[in-house]
Amino acid sequence: MTLHSDPRRLSFEGSRPVLSGEAALPRSGLEAAPLHDARVLTRGGVQARIALDGQVYALRITRAGKLILTK
């Protein structure tokens, strides 16, 4: 499985290209988990807020390109 490097379009070998934020892993018998581009979630910045059941989490992209999710 290869993820192409163009951040505007994500695709996997053997599957159709899809827009970033809409990609999903190939099906393996169970429903595949959605794949979201962190740079789309942060709108090109380094932070995004994610809500779950009334709680707000902070997603941050570090200078080293790692992701940190905090409550």
Protein backbone atom coordinates (compact mmCIF):
# COMPACT_ATOMS: atom_id res chain seq x y z
CA MET A 1 0.00 0.00 0.00
CA THR A 2 1.52 3.35 -1.05
CA LEU A 3 0.30 6.76 0.04
CA HIS A 4 1.12 9.34 -2.60
CA SER A 5 2.88 12.49 -1.42
CA ASP A 6 0.67 15.14 -3.03
CA PRO A 7 -1.27 16.51 -0.03
CA ARG A 8 -4.16 17.66 -2.23
CA ARG A 9 -4.95 14.13 -3.41
CA LEU A 10 -4.56 10.90 -1.53
CA SER A 11 -4.75 7.50 -3.15
CA PHE A 12 -3.67 3.94 -2.58
CA GLU A 13 -2.32 1.51 -5.13
CA GLY A 14 -5.15 -0.64 -6.43
CA SER A 15 -7.89 1.83 -5.51
CA ARG A 16 -9.39 4.91 -7.07
CA PRO A 17 -7.91 8.34 -6.19
CA VAL A 18 -9.99 10.28 -3.69
CA LEU A 19 -9.83 13.82 -2.35
CA SER A 20 -7.84 14.35 0.84
CA GLY A 21 -9.96 13.99 3.93
CA GLU A 22 -12.12 11.38 2.17
CA ALA A 23 -9.63 8.54 1.79
CA ALA A 24 -10.21 5.16 3.40
CA LEU A 25 -7.96 2.17 3.84
CA PRO A 26 -8.68 -0.77 1.53
CA ARG A 27 -11.45 -3.02 2.88
CA SER A 28 -10.34 -6.15 4.69
CA GLY A 29 -13.73 -7.77 5.32
CA LEU A 30 -14.71 -5.19 7.94
CA GLU A 31 -15.57 -1.56 7.33
CA ALA A 32 -12.32 0.35 6.82
CA ALA A 33 -11.44 3.23 9.11
CA PRO A 34 -11.53 6.67 7.47
CA LEU A 35 -8.21 8.37 6.79
CA HIS A 36 -7.98 12.12 7.42
CA ASP A 37 -5.05 14.29 6.37
CA ALA A 38 -3.86 16.22 9.47
CA ARG A 39 -2.90 19.20 7.29
CA VAL A 40 -6.49 19.38 6.03
CA LEU A 41 -7.80 19.21 9.60
CA THR A 42 -5.48 22.06 10.62
CA ARG A 43 -6.26 24.01 7.40
CA GLY A 44 -2.55 24.24 6.63
CA GLY A 45 -1.66 25.41 10.13
CA VAL A 46 -0.35 23.40 13.04
CA GLN A 47 -3.38 23.11 15.34
CA ALA A 48 -6.96 21.86 15.20
CA ARG A 49 -9.62 21.31 17.82
CA ILE A 50 -11.57 18.06 17.80
CA ALA A 51 -14.80 17.56 19.77
CA LEU A 52 -15.96 14.21 21.14
CA ASP A 53 -18.94 13.80 23.48
CA GLY A 54 -18.72 17.37 24.75
CA GLN A 55 -14.95 17.22 25.32
CA VAL A 56 -12.57 19.32 23.20
CA TYR A 57 -9.17 17.92 22.25
CA ALA A 58 -6.23 19.74 20.68
CA LEU A 59 -4.40 18.19 17.73
CA ARG A 60 -0.98 19.70 17.11
CA ILE A 61 1.63 19.07 14.41
CA THR A 62 5.13 19.48 15.87
CA ARG A 63 8.11 20.98 14.05
CA ALA A 64 9.40 17.41 13.67
CA GLY A 65 6.20 16.44 11.82
CA LYS A 66 4.72 14.35 14.65
CA LEU A 67 1.14 14.52 15.91
CA ILE A 68 0.17 15.25 19.50
CA LEU A 69 -3.42 14.90 20.71
CA THR A 70 -4.21 16.40 24.13
CA LYS A 71 -7.33 16.97 26.17
